[in-house]
C-alpha atoms as a PDB file:
ATOM      1  CA  MET A   1      94.427 130.017 133.450  1.00  0.00           C
ATOM      2  CA  LYS A   2      96.526 130.830 135.750  1.00  0.00           C
ATOM      3  CA  ILE A   3      99.726 132.288 136.285  1.00  0.00           C
ATOM      4  CA  PRO A   4     101.223 135.578 135.296  1.00  0.00           C
ATOM      5  CA  ARG A   5     100.617 135.920 131.572  1.00  0.00           C
ATOM      6  CA  ARG A   6     103.266 136.119 128.906  1.00  0.00           C
ATOM      7  CA  ALA A   7     101.668 139.413 127.929  1.00  0.00           C
ATOM      8  CA  PHE A   8     102.807 140.844 131.245  1.00  0.00           C
ATOM      9  CA  LEU A   9     106.439 140.082 130.416  1.00  0.00           C
ATOM     10  CA  GLY A  10     108.715 142.022 128.125  1.00  0.00           C
ATOM     11  CA  SER A  11     108.159 145.731 127.647  1.00  0.00           C
ATOM     12  CA  SER A  12     107.276 147.838 130.663  1.00  0.00           C
ATOM     13  CA  LEU A  13     103.858 149.219 131.470  1.00  0.00           C
ATOM     14  CA  ALA A  14     105.124 152.712 130.766  1.00  0.00           C
ATOM     15  CA  ALA A  15     106.259 151.737 127.271  1.00  0.00           C
ATOM     16  CA  MET A  16     102.993 149.983 126.530  1.00  0.00           C
ATOM     17  CA  SER A  17     100.949 152.933 127.785  1.00  0.00           C
ATOM     18  CA  ALA A  18     102.951 155.348 125.668  1.00  0.00           C
ATOM     19  CA  ALA A  19     102.248 153.509 122.426  1.00  0.00           C
ATOM     20  CA  PRO A  20      98.799 151.903 122.477  1.00  0.00           C
ATOM     21  CA  LEU A  21      97.267 150.566 119.307  1.00  0.00           C
ATOM     22  CA  ALA A  22      94.688 153.064 118.104  1.00  0.00           C
ATOM     23  CA  ALA A  23      92.247 150.351 117.095  1.00  0.00           C
ATOM     24  CA  ALA A  24      91.995 148.969 120.609  1.00  0.00           C
ATOM     25  CA  ASN A  25      92.942 151.699 123.070  1.00  0.00           C
ATOM     26  CA  PRO A  26      91.188 154.962 123.895  1.00  0.00           C
ATOM     27  CA  LYS A  27      92.813 158.113 122.576  1.00  0.00           C
ATOM     28  CA  PRO A  28      94.779 160.195 125.101  1.00  0.00           C
ATOM     29  CA  GLY A  29      92.409 161.864 127.507  1.00  0.00           C
ATOM     30  CA  LYS A  30      89.521 159.517 126.706  1.00  0.00           C
ATOM     31  CA  GLY A  31      87.716 157.250 129.188  1.00  0.00           C
ATOM     32  CA  GLY A  32      90.219 154.479 129.947  1.00  0.00           C
ATOM     33  CA  SER A  33      93.077 156.882 130.676  1.00  0.00           C
ATOM     34  CA  GLY A  34      91.609 157.822 134.036  1.00  0.00           C
ATOM     35  CA  LYS A  35      90.679 161.340 132.835  1.00  0.00           C
ATOM     36  CA  ARG A  36      87.144 162.515 132.250  1.00  0.00           C
ATOM     37  CA  GLY A  37      85.912 162.147 128.696  1.00  0.00           C
ATOM     38  CA  ARG A  38      84.062 159.846 126.348  1.00  0.00           C
ATOM     39  CA  ARG A  39      85.752 156.779 124.886  1.00  0.00           C
ATOM     40  CA  GLU A  40      86.106 156.447 121.143  1.00  0.00           C
ATOM     41  CA  PRO A  41      83.668 153.871 119.682  1.00  0.00           C
ATOM     42  CA  ASP A  42      84.946 150.324 119.614  1.00  0.00           C
ATOM     43  CA  PRO A  43      86.063 149.057 116.217  1.00  0.00           C
ATOM     44  CA  SER A  44      83.527 146.975 114.333  1.00  0.00           C
ATOM     45  CA  SER A  45      83.278 144.865 111.223  1.00  0.00           C
ATOM     46  CA  ARG A  46      80.596 143.271 109.088  1.00  0.00           C
ATOM     47  CA  PRO A  47      79.869 139.670 110.195  1.00  0.00           C
ATOM     48  CA  PRO A  48      81.216 137.093 110.271  1.00  0.00           C
ATOM     49  CA  VAL A  49      83.527 138.389 112.984  1.00  0.00           C
ATOM     50  CA  VAL A  50      85.714 136.202 115.195  1.00  0.00           C
ATOM     51  CA  ILE A  51      87.700 137.314 118.239  1.00  0.00           C
ATOM     52  CA  SER A  52      89.908 135.202 120.487  1.00  0.00           C
ATOM     53  CA  THR A  53      92.517 135.485 123.217  1.00  0.00           C
ATOM     54  CA  TRP A  54      96.278 135.671 122.588  1.00  0.00           C
ATOM     55  CA  PRO A  55      98.286 135.572 119.343  1.00  0.00           C
ATOM     56  CA  PHE A  56      97.768 131.801 119.047  1.00  0.00           C
ATOM     57  CA  GLY A  57      94.096 132.651 118.606  1.00  0.00           C
ATOM     58  CA  LYS A  58      94.835 134.020 115.120  1.00  0.00           C
ATOM     59  CA  PRO A  59      95.136 130.614 113.372  1.00  0.00           C
ATOM     60  CA  ALA A  60      92.109 129.474 115.376  1.00  0.00           C
ATOM     61  CA  ASN A  61      90.165 132.475 114.069  1.00  0.00           C
ATOM     62  CA  ASP A  62      91.264 131.737 110.514  1.00  0.00           C
ATOM     63  CA  ARG A  63      90.150 128.131 110.864  1.00  0.00           C
ATOM     64  CA  THR A  64      86.805 129.278 112.265  1.00  0.00           C
ATOM     65  CA  LEU A  65      86.157 131.450 109.207  1.00  0.00           C
ATOM     66  CA  GLU A  66      87.359 128.721 106.853  1.00  0.00           C
ATOM     67  CA  VAL A  67      84.842 126.262 108.307  1.00  0.00           C
ATOM     68  CA  PHE A  68      82.045 128.826 108.242  1.00  0.00           C
ATOM     69  CA  ARG A  69      82.738 129.747 104.617  1.00  0.00           C
ATOM     70  CA  SER A  70      82.582 126.062 103.680  1.00  0.00           C
ATOM     71  CA  GLY A  71      78.895 126.104 104.569  1.00  0.00           C
ATOM     72  CA  LYS A  72      78.988 124.927 108.185  1.00  0.00           C
ATOM     73  CA  GLY A  73      77.149 126.727 110.963  1.00  0.00           C
ATOM     74  CA  GLY A  74      78.569 128.971 113.653  1.00  0.00           C
ATOM     75  CA  LEU A  75      78.668 126.248 116.289  1.00  0.00           C
ATOM     76  CA  ASP A  76      80.682 123.959 114.000  1.00  0.00           C
ATOM     77  CA  ALA A  77      82.973 126.861 113.169  1.00  0.00           C
ATOM     78  CA  VAL A  78      83.862 127.844 116.741  1.00  0.00           C
ATOM     79  CA  GLU A  79      84.338 124.194 117.701  1.00  0.00           C
ATOM     80  CA  GLN A  80      86.760 123.616 114.845  1.00  0.00           C
ATOM     81  CA  GLY A  81      88.579 126.859 115.581  1.00  0.00           C
ATOM     82  CA  VAL A  82      89.249 125.829 119.162  1.00  0.00           C
ATOM     83  CA  ARG A  83      90.189 122.322 118.016  1.00  0.00           C
ATOM     84  CA  GLN A  84      92.913 123.970 115.927  1.00  0.00           C
ATOM     85  CA  ALA A  85      94.467 125.329 119.135  1.00  0.00           C
ATOM     86  CA  GLU A  86      93.932 122.053 121.008  1.00  0.00           C
ATOM     87  CA  ALA A  87      95.762 120.105 118.284  1.00  0.00           C
ATOM     88  CA  ASP A  88      98.925 122.222 118.505  1.00  0.00           C
ATOM     89  CA  LEU A  89     101.177 120.194 120.799  1.00  0.00           C
ATOM     90  CA  SER A  90     103.717 123.033 120.872  1.00  0.00           C
ATOM     91  CA  ASN A  91     101.191 125.161 122.762  1.00  0.00           C
ATOM     92  CA  PRO A  92     101.700 124.626 126.521  1.00  0.00           C
ATOM     93  CA  SER A  93      98.365 126.266 127.318  1.00  0.00           C
ATOM     94  CA  VAL A  94      95.718 124.294 125.423  1.00  0.00           C
ATOM     95  CA  GLY A  95      95.215 120.605 124.623  1.00  0.00           C
ATOM     96  CA  LEU A  96      97.413 117.626 125.394  1.00  0.00           C
ATOM     97  CA  GLY A  97     100.573 119.657 124.822  1.00  0.00           C
ATOM     98  CA  GLY A  98      99.646 121.649 127.919  1.00  0.00           C
ATOM     99  CA  ILE A  99     101.452 121.835 131.232  1.00  0.00           C
ATOM    100  CA  PRO A 100     100.405 118.903 133.455  1.00  0.00           C
ATOM    101  CA  ALA A 101      98.948 119.031 136.930  1.00  0.00           C
ATOM    102  CA  ALA A 102     101.135 118.313 139.954  1.00  0.00           C
ATOM    103  CA  HIS A 103     100.721 114.541 139.500  1.00  0.00           C
ATOM    104  CA  GLY A 104     102.282 114.709 136.011  1.00  0.00           C
ATOM    105  CA  ILE A 105      99.087 114.228 133.964  1.00  0.00           C
ATOM    106  CA  VAL A 106      97.478 116.908 131.781  1.00  0.00           C
ATOM    107  CA  GLN A 107      93.928 117.733 132.868  1.00  0.00           C
ATOM    108  CA  LEU A 108      91.855 119.624 130.314  1.00  0.00           C
ATOM    109  CA  ASP A 109      88.863 121.951 130.730  1.00  0.00           C
ATOM    110  CA  ALA A 110      86.575 123.251 127.967  1.00  0.00           C
ATOM    111  CA  CYS A 111      83.131 124.618 127.265  1.00  0.00           C
ATOM    112  CA  ILE A 112      81.018 125.673 124.305  1.00  0.00           C
ATOM    113  CA  MET A 113      77.939 127.871 124.099  1.00  0.00           C
ATOM    114  CA  SER A 114      75.315 128.541 121.435  1.00  0.00           C
ATOM    115  CA  GLY A 115      73.453 131.843 121.420  1.00  0.00           C
ATOM    116  CA  PRO A 116      70.438 130.358 119.610  1.00  0.00           C
ATOM    117  CA  GLY A 117      68.585 128.339 122.227  1.00  0.00           C
ATOM    118  CA  HIS A 118      70.971 129.539 124.968  1.00  0.00           C
ATOM    119  CA  ARG A 119      72.568 126.086 125.141  1.00  0.00           C
ATOM    120  CA  ALA A 120      75.849 125.187 126.814  1.00  0.00           C
ATOM    121  CA  GLY A 121      78.103 122.200 127.460  1.00  0.00           C
ATOM    122  CA  SER A 122      81.215 121.828 129.562  1.00  0.00           C
ATOM    123  CA  VAL A 123      83.839 119.326 130.743  1.00  0.00           C
ATOM    124  CA  ALA A 124      86.591 119.611 133.337  1.00  0.00           C
ATOM    125  CA  ALA A 125      89.618 117.655 134.584  1.00  0.00           C
ATOM    126  CA  VAL A 126      89.577 115.419 131.488  1.00  0.00           C
ATOM    127  CA  GLU A 127      92.690 113.272 130.979  1.00  0.00           C
ATOM    128  CA  GLY A 128      93.892 111.623 127.783  1.00  0.00           C
ATOM    129  CA  PHE A 129      91.492 113.054 125.188  1.00  0.00           C
ATOM    130  CA  LYS A 130      92.615 115.340 122.378  1.00  0.00           C
ATOM    131  CA  HIS A 131      89.599 117.600 121.960  1.00  0.00           C
ATOM    132  CA  PRO A 132      87.724 118.499 125.148  1.00  0.00           C
ATOM    133  CA  VAL A 133      85.769 121.206 123.313  1.00  0.00           C
ATOM    134  CA  SER A 134      84.101 118.522 121.184  1.00  0.00           C
ATOM    135  CA  ILE A 135      83.262 116.458 124.268  1.00  0.00           C
ATOM    136  CA  ALA A 136      81.697 119.590 125.771  1.00  0.00           C
ATOM    137  CA  ARG A 137      79.563 120.017 122.675  1.00  0.00           C
ATOM    138  CA  ARG A 138      78.365 116.433 122.896  1.00  0.00           C
ATOM    139  CA  VAL A 139      77.423 116.985 126.551  1.00  0.00           C
ATOM    140  CA  MET A 140      75.339 119.940 125.413  1.00  0.00           C
ATOM    141  CA  GLU A 141      73.639 118.080 122.594  1.00  0.00           C
ATOM    142  CA  GLU A 142      73.179 114.571 123.990  1.00  0.00           C
ATOM    143  CA  THR A 143      72.540 114.963 127.717  1.00  0.00           C
ATOM    144  CA  ARG A 144      70.249 116.852 130.071  1.00  0.00           C
ATOM    145  CA  HIS A 145      73.336 118.246 131.788  1.00  0.00           C
ATOM    146  CA  VAL A 146      75.633 121.207 131.251  1.00  0.00           C
ATOM    147  CA  MET A 147      78.859 119.919 132.838  1.00  0.00           C
ATOM    148  CA  LEU A 148      80.652 116.612 133.300  1.00  0.00           C
ATOM    149  CA  VAL A 149      83.979 116.244 135.129  1.00  0.00           C
ATOM    150  CA  GLY A 150      86.843 113.810 135.644  1.00  0.00           C
ATOM    151  CA  GLU A 151      86.138 110.102 135.332  1.00  0.00           C
ATOM    152  CA  GLY A 152      82.523 110.697 134.361  1.00  0.00           C
ATOM    153  CA  ALA A 153      83.508 112.956 131.478  1.00  0.00           C
ATOM    154  CA  GLN A 154      86.182 110.490 130.351  1.00  0.00           C
ATOM    155  CA  ARG A 155      83.753 107.571 130.430  1.00  0.00           C
ATOM    156  CA  PHE A 156      81.276 109.648 128.437  1.00  0.00           C
ATOM    157  CA  ALA A 157      83.968 110.453 125.851  1.00  0.00           C
ATOM    158  CA  ARG A 158      85.244 106.885 125.639  1.00  0.00           C
ATOM    159  CA  ASP A 159      81.744 105.507 125.089  1.00  0.00           C
ATOM    160  CA  ARG A 160      81.396 107.878 122.146  1.00  0.00           C
ATOM    161  CA  LYS A 161      84.761 106.928 120.636  1.00  0.00           C
ATOM    162  CA  PHE A 162      86.424 110.318 121.020  1.00  0.00           C
ATOM    163  CA  GLU A 163      90.076 110.356 119.973  1.00  0.00           C
ATOM    164  CA  GLU A 164      92.435 109.667 122.840  1.00  0.00           C
ATOM    165  CA  GLY A 165      96.027 110.769 123.252  1.00  0.00           C
ATOM    166  CA  PRO A 166      99.009 110.717 125.611  1.00  0.00           C
ATOM    167  CA  ALA A 167      98.450 111.669 129.231  1.00  0.00           C
ATOM    168  CA  VAL A 168     101.427 114.002 128.894  1.00  0.00           C
ATOM    169  CA  THR A 169     103.853 114.747 126.056  1.00  0.00           C
ATOM    170  CA  PRO A 170     107.520 113.702 126.460  1.00  0.00           C
ATOM    171  CA  GLY A 171     108.613 117.331 126.587  1.00  0.00           C
ATOM    172  CA  GLN A 172     106.124 118.271 129.267  1.00  0.00           C
ATOM    173  CA  LYS A 173     106.959 115.128 131.231  1.00  0.00           C
ATOM    174  CA  ALA A 174     110.621 116.117 131.285  1.00  0.00           C
ATOM    175  CA  ALA A 175     109.681 119.623 132.413  1.00  0.00           C
ATOM    176  CA  TRP A 176     107.452 118.166 135.120  1.00  0.00           C
ATOM    177  CA  GLU A 177     110.264 115.922 136.389  1.00  0.00           C
ATOM    178  CA  ALA A 178     112.568 118.952 136.546  1.00  0.00           C
ATOM    179  CA  TRP A 179     109.880 120.892 138.392  1.00  0.00           C
ATOM    180  CA  LYS A 180     109.496 118.065 140.932  1.00  0.00           C
ATOM    181  CA  LYS A 181     113.228 118.086 141.619  1.00  0.00           C
ATOM    182  CA  ALA A 182     113.191 121.850 142.012  1.00  0.00           C
ATOM    183  CA  GLN A 183     110.268 121.567 144.410  1.00  0.00           C
ATOM    184  CA  GLU A 184     112.339 119.377 146.660  1.00  0.00           C
ATOM    185  CA  ALA A 185     115.054 122.009 146.882  1.00  0.00           C
ATOM    186  CA  GLU A 186     113.051 125.226 146.902  1.00  0.00           C
ATOM    187  CA  LYS A 187     109.756 126.684 145.831  1.00  0.00           C
ATOM    188  CA  ALA A 188     109.739 126.433 142.059  1.00  0.00           C
ATOM    189  CA  LYS A 189     108.590 129.176 139.741  1.00  0.00           C
ATOM    190  CA  VAL A 190     105.254 128.207 138.219  1.00  0.00           C
ATOM    191  CA  PRO A 191     105.456 128.168 134.393  1.00  0.00           C
ATOM    192  CA  ASN A 192     103.656 130.690 132.211  1.00  0.00           C
ATOM    193  CA  HIS A 193     100.234 129.729 130.923  1.00  0.00           C
ATOM    194  CA  ASP A 194      97.344 130.985 128.799  1.00  0.00           C
ATOM    195  CA  THR A 195      93.870 129.954 127.569  1.00  0.00           C
ATOM    196  CA  ILE A 196      91.925 130.206 124.316  1.00  0.00           C
ATOM    197  CA  ALA A 197      88.481 131.775 124.442  1.00  0.00           C
ATOM    198  CA  LEU A 198      86.904 132.318 121.022  1.00  0.00           C
ATOM    199  CA  LEU A 199      83.730 134.231 120.081  1.00  0.00           C
ATOM    200  CA  MET A 200      81.882 134.512 116.772  1.00  0.00           C
ATOM    201  CA  LEU A 201      79.083 136.656 115.328  1.00  0.00           C
ATOM    202  CA  THR A 202      77.507 135.263 112.138  1.00  0.00           C
ATOM    203  CA  PRO A 203      75.789 137.267 109.377  1.00  0.00           C
ATOM    204  CA  SER A 204      72.435 136.062 110.723  1.00  0.00           C
ATOM    205  CA  GLY A 205      73.181 137.903 113.968  1.00  0.00           C
ATOM    206  CA  ASP A 206      73.746 134.761 116.014  1.00  0.00           C
ATOM    207  CA  LEU A 207      76.550 134.462 118.549  1.00  0.00           C
ATOM    208  CA  PHE A 208      78.644 131.433 119.476  1.00  0.00           C
ATOM    209  CA  GLY A 209      81.628 130.839 121.756  1.00  0.00           C
ATOM    210  CA  ALA A 210      84.033 128.202 123.003  1.00  0.00           C
ATOM    211  CA  CYS A 211      86.891 128.015 125.491  1.00  0.00           C
ATOM    212  CA  SER A 212      89.632 125.447 126.165  1.00  0.00           C
ATOM    213  CA  THR A 213      92.654 125.180 128.456  1.00  0.00           C
ATOM    214  CA  SER A 214      95.021 122.769 130.130  1.00  0.00           C
ATOM    215  CA  GLY A 215      94.720 124.858 133.283  1.00  0.00           C
ATOM    216  CA  TRP A 216      97.126 126.267 135.811  1.00  0.00           C
ATOM    217  CA  GLY A 217     100.534 124.654 135.389  1.00  0.00           C
ATOM    218  CA  TYR A 218     101.292 122.030 138.072  1.00  0.00           C
ATOM    219  CA  LYS A 219      97.941 122.701 139.734  1.00  0.00           C
ATOM    220  CA  ILE A 220      96.513 120.421 142.408  1.00  0.00           C
ATOM    221  CA  PRO A 221      94.907 117.521 140.504  1.00  0.00           C
ATOM    222  CA  GLY A 222      91.197 118.166 140.175  1.00  0.00           C
ATOM    223  CA  ARG A 223      91.542 121.945 140.239  1.00  0.00           C
ATOM    224  CA  VAL A 224      89.079 123.599 137.855  1.00  0.00           C
ATOM    225  CA  GLY A 225      89.435 127.208 136.807  1.00  0.00           C
ATOM    226  CA  ASP A 226      87.005 129.548 135.096  1.00  0.00           C
ATOM    227  CA  SER A 227      87.421 128.244 131.528  1.00  0.00           C
ATOM    228  CA  PRO A 228      84.721 125.540 131.630  1.00  0.00           C
ATOM    229  CA  ILE A 229      82.413 127.563 133.883  1.00  0.00           C
ATOM    230  CA  ILE A 230      79.497 129.139 132.019  1.00  0.00           C
ATOM    231  CA  GLY A 231      79.470 132.793 133.037  1.00  0.00           C
ATOM    232  CA  GLY A 232      83.063 132.607 134.248  1.00  0.00           C
ATOM    233  CA  GLY A 233      85.390 131.909 131.345  1.00  0.00           C
ATOM    234  CA  LEU A 234      82.681 132.213 128.674  1.00  0.00           C
ATOM    235  CA  TYR A 235      79.204 133.644 128.295  1.00  0.00           C
ATOM    236  CA  VAL A 236      76.988 134.112 125.247  1.00  0.00           C
ATOM    237  CA  ASP A 237      73.675 135.987 125.180  1.00  0.00           C
ATOM    238  CA  ASN A 238      72.188 136.045 121.695  1.00  0.00           C
ATOM    239  CA  THR A 239      70.281 139.251 122.405  1.00  0.00           C
ATOM    240  CA  VAL A 240      73.316 141.253 123.531  1.00  0.00           C
ATOM    241  CA  GLY A 241      76.783 139.832 122.911  1.00  0.00           C
ATOM    242  CA  ALA A 242      79.430 137.423 124.126  1.00  0.00           C
ATOM    243  CA  ALA A 243      82.529 137.544 126.307  1.00  0.00           C
ATOM    244  CA  GLY A 244      85.459 135.306 127.212  1.00  0.00           C
ATOM    245  CA  ALA A 245      88.237 135.417 129.768  1.00  0.00           C
ATOM    246  CA  THR A 246      91.869 134.460 130.207  1.00  0.00           C
ATOM    247  CA  GLY A 247      94.126 134.957 133.198  1.00  0.00           C
ATOM    248  CA  ILE A 248      94.102 133.558 136.722  1.00  0.00           C
ATOM    249  CA  GLY A 249      90.848 131.637 136.712  1.00  0.00           C
ATOM    250  CA  GLU A 250      90.134 131.999 140.407  1.00  0.00           C
ATOM    251  CA  ASN A 251      90.125 135.783 140.000  1.00  0.00           C
ATOM    252  CA  VAL A 252      87.571 135.497 137.190  1.00  0.00           C
ATOM    253  CA  MET A 253      85.210 132.857 138.546  1.00  0.00           C
ATOM    254  CA  ARG A 254      84.689 134.497 141.929  1.00  0.00           C
ATOM    255  CA  TYR A 255      83.009 137.387 140.099  1.00  0.00           C
ATOM    256  CA  CYS A 256      81.260 135.617 137.173  1.00  0.00           C
ATOM    257  CA  GLY A 257      83.497 137.742 134.966  1.00  0.00           C
ATOM    258  CA  SER A 258      82.314 136.965 131.431  1.00  0.00           C
ATOM    259  CA  PHE A 259      78.672 137.176 132.483  1.00  0.00           C
ATOM    260  CA  LEU A 260      79.358 140.590 133.994  1.00  0.00           C
ATOM    261  CA  VAL A 261      80.967 141.839 130.759  1.00  0.00           C
ATOM    262  CA  VAL A 262      77.821 140.866 128.831  1.00  0.00           C
ATOM    263  CA  GLU A 263      75.604 142.532 131.430  1.00  0.00           C
ATOM    264  CA  PHE A 264      77.537 145.787 131.071  1.00  0.00           C
ATOM    265  CA  MET A 265      77.043 145.580 127.295  1.00  0.00           C
ATOM    266  CA  ARG A 266      73.332 145.092 127.975  1.00  0.00           C
ATOM    267  CA  GLN A 267      73.397 148.449 129.794  1.00  0.00           C
ATOM    268  CA  GLY A 268      74.689 150.087 126.620  1.00  0.00           C
ATOM    269  CA  MET A 269      78.453 149.909 127.037  1.00  0.00           C
ATOM    270  CA  SER A 270      80.662 149.086 124.079  1.00  0.00           C
ATOM    271  CA  PRO A 271      82.689 145.840 124.290  1.00  0.00           C
ATOM    272  CA  THR A 272      85.872 147.529 125.482  1.00  0.00           C
ATOM    273  CA  GLU A 273      83.992 149.706 127.962  1.00  0.00           C
ATOM    274  CA  ALA A 274      82.281 146.581 129.312  1.00  0.00           C
ATOM    275  CA  CYS A 275      85.614 144.771 129.712  1.00  0.00           C
ATOM    276  CA  LEU A 276      87.116 147.779 131.498  1.00  0.00           C
ATOM    277  CA  ALA A 277      84.087 148.204 133.745  1.00  0.00           C
ATOM    278  CA  THR A 278      84.266 144.538 134.737  1.00  0.00           C
ATOM    279  CA  LEU A 279      87.949 144.821 135.613  1.00  0.00           C
ATOM    280  CA  HIS A 280      87.254 147.893 137.740  1.00  0.00           C
ATOM    281  CA  ARG A 281      84.325 146.162 139.469  1.00  0.00           C
ATOM    282  CA  ILE A 282      86.459 143.116 140.307  1.00  0.00           C
ATOM    283  CA  ALA A 283      89.371 145.265 141.488  1.00  0.00           C
ATOM    284  CA  SER A 284      87.053 147.303 143.704  1.00  0.00           C
ATOM    285  CA  LEU A 285      86.040 144.131 145.563  1.00  0.00           C
ATOM    286  CA  ASP A 286      89.169 141.995 145.487  1.00  0.00           C
ATOM    287  CA  PRO A 287      91.817 142.394 148.224  1.00  0.00           C
ATOM    288  CA  LYS A 288      94.485 142.272 145.503  1.00  0.00           C
ATOM    289  CA  GLY A 289      93.071 145.339 143.793  1.00  0.00           C
ATOM    290  CA  TYR A 290      94.392 145.463 140.222  1.00  0.00           C
ATOM    291  CA  ASP A 291      97.081 142.817 140.774  1.00  0.00           C
ATOM    292  CA  LEU A 292      94.797 140.177 139.277  1.00  0.00           C
ATOM    293  CA  SER A 293      96.122 138.862 135.911  1.00  0.00           C
ATOM    294  CA  VAL A 294      92.625 138.992 134.402  1.00  0.00           C
ATOM    295  CA  ASN A 295      91.787 139.719 130.760  1.00  0.00           C
ATOM    296  CA  PHE A 296      88.547 139.816 128.780  1.00  0.00           C
ATOM    297  CA  ILE A 297      87.458 139.831 125.146  1.00  0.00           C
ATOM    298  CA  ALA A 298      83.959 140.836 124.032  1.00  0.00           C
ATOM    299  CA  LEU A 299      81.826 140.966 120.889  1.00  0.00           C
ATOM    300  CA  ASP A 300      78.384 142.504 120.553  1.00  0.00           C
ATOM    301  CA  LYS A 301      75.408 142.076 118.219  1.00  0.00           C
ATOM    302  CA  ARG A 302      76.522 145.052 116.113  1.00  0.00           C
ATOM    303  CA  GLY A 303      79.850 143.456 115.251  1.00  0.00           C
ATOM    304  CA  ARG A 304      81.813 145.695 117.603  1.00  0.00           C
ATOM    305  CA  TYR A 305      84.702 143.983 119.350  1.00  0.00           C
ATOM    306  CA  GLY A 306      87.041 144.899 122.158  1.00  0.00           C
ATOM    307  CA  ALA A 307      89.195 143.700 125.029  1.00  0.00           C
ATOM    308  CA  ALA A 308      90.934 144.861 128.188  1.00  0.00           C
ATOM    309  CA  GLY A 309      93.248 143.422 130.825  1.00  0.00           C
ATOM    310  CA  THR A 310      94.826 144.320 134.120  1.00  0.00           C
ATOM    311  CA  GLY A 311      98.365 145.662 134.130  1.00  0.00           C
ATOM    312  CA  GLN A 312      99.594 146.441 130.635  1.00  0.00           C
ATOM    313  CA  GLY A 313      96.759 144.532 128.977  1.00  0.00           C
ATOM    314  CA  PHE A 314      97.177 141.566 126.666  1.00  0.00           C
ATOM    315  CA  GLN A 315      97.178 140.542 123.019  1.00  0.00           C
ATOM    316  CA  TYR A 316      94.071 139.220 121.306  1.00  0.00           C
ATOM    317  CA  ALA A 317      93.189 138.230 117.747  1.00  0.00           C
ATOM    318  CA  VAL A 318      90.381 139.386 115.439  1.00  0.00           C
ATOM    319  CA  ALA A 319      89.361 138.088 112.016  1.00  0.00           C
ATOM    320  CA  CYS A 320      86.638 138.886 109.472  1.00  0.00           C
ATOM    321  CA  ASP A 321      86.311 138.946 105.695  1.00  0.00           C
ATOM    322  CA  ASP A 322      88.633 141.958 105.440  1.00  0.00           C
ATOM    323  CA  PHE A 323      91.502 141.108 107.785  1.00  0.00           C
ATOM    324  CA  SER A 324      93.020 138.781 110.359  1.00  0.00           C
ATOM    325  CA  LYS A 325      95.313 140.385 112.902  1.00  0.00           C
ATOM    326  CA  VAL A 326      96.607 140.504 116.463  1.00  0.00           C
ATOM    327  CA  LEU A 327      95.835 143.588 118.568  1.00  0.00           C
ATOM    328  CA  GLN A 328      96.930 144.928 121.941  1.00  0.00           C
ATOM    329  CA  SER A 329      94.219 145.611 124.514  1.00  0.00           C
ATOM    330  CA  PRO A 330      94.077 148.548 126.904  1.00  0.00           C
ATOM    331  CA  GLY A 331      95.391 147.857 130.386  1.00  0.00           C
ATOM    332  CA  VAL A 332      94.172 149.119 133.745  1.00  0.00           C
ATOM    333  CA  THR A 333      96.107 149.700 136.948  1.00  0.00           C
ATOM    334  CA  GLN A 334      93.895 152.073 138.913  1.00  0.00           C
ATOM    335  CA  LYS A 335      90.327 153.196 139.511  1.00  0.00           C
ATOM    336  CA  PRO A 336      89.029 155.384 136.660  1.00  0.00           C
ATOM    337  CA  VAL A 337      87.778 158.941 136.929  1.00  0.00           C
ATOM    338  CA  GLY A 338      84.796 159.834 134.813  1.00  0.00           C
ATOM    339  CA  PRO A 339      82.070 157.774 133.120  1.00  0.00           C
ATOM    340  CA  LEU A 340      83.483 154.371 134.060  1.00  0.00           C
ATOM    341  CA  GLY A 341      83.666 155.458 137.697  1.00  0.00           C
ATOM    342  CA  GLY A 342      79.905 155.898 138.041  1.00  0.00           C
ATOM    343  CA  ASN A 343      77.230 153.823 139.712  1.00  0.00           C
ATOM    344  CA  ARG A 344      77.316 151.110 137.052  1.00  0.00           C
ATOM    345  CA  LEU A 345      80.582 149.838 138.543  1.00  0.00           C
END
């Protein structure tokens, strides 16, 4: 989580602002534009509803619904959805196909959370295992702990016969070797990187979530970002809603970002309003202001979903019985004027 997002590349902020997607962005002159006015209601759908970060979340969403429709529960569904992303070795952001740490080995972080029972499990800095999200679930279900890291997490996984894999793929190893050579000559550009956070609301009104990442590319070994941190990269409250994050993890975890999104929804904000309010709160405290590379998704008990990110925003995926699509979130670059500028920030 990590480095400047691929969503921040390509078209300019001006172009993105001029043509927002109506389903995700406020209409001109409404709340998020910086002018006074009330935001349009967030889009909603009848459960089951699944929302995740980035376009590669779309097949994960589809897998989540497929598992749920087969008769499995919401926790099984979100786990299998995230496993879909972890298994894609062409994805440099999640699973063993991810960008390695500075020592040339991929270190994986993941967490999972169940709204019913308010249970959570998490692992960090795991090397050589294909599905950290499943290890996180086992931590939740079989131990008195919430989080295991490094060697302890790997020993736990090995004792339970979890599927192992290569410490780094050949392609990523070659890229790492090239990066090392570049480091010797000059400061190398850190590669692009993303994270999958996935949230689900079931027809029974229960909420579930999971998050997985290979972390900041070429990070210091042992670095842990927000993705496996409950309340940082993921938070689920079965009475209110759920939220997940992607971006530079350090900028999320210092402010308990996903927890804050849920708390704003508790105050009555819609999912998108809550994501925007959280971004404005963080920017008001952080020395970097809005130069944060932070993005949030959110889903509430009513089936409303939304997202927002700094800069030009980012792409996220939504799926339900009626559709499965990729949307563009609103972006923020300055302090708002109007309702989102009030005391709740």
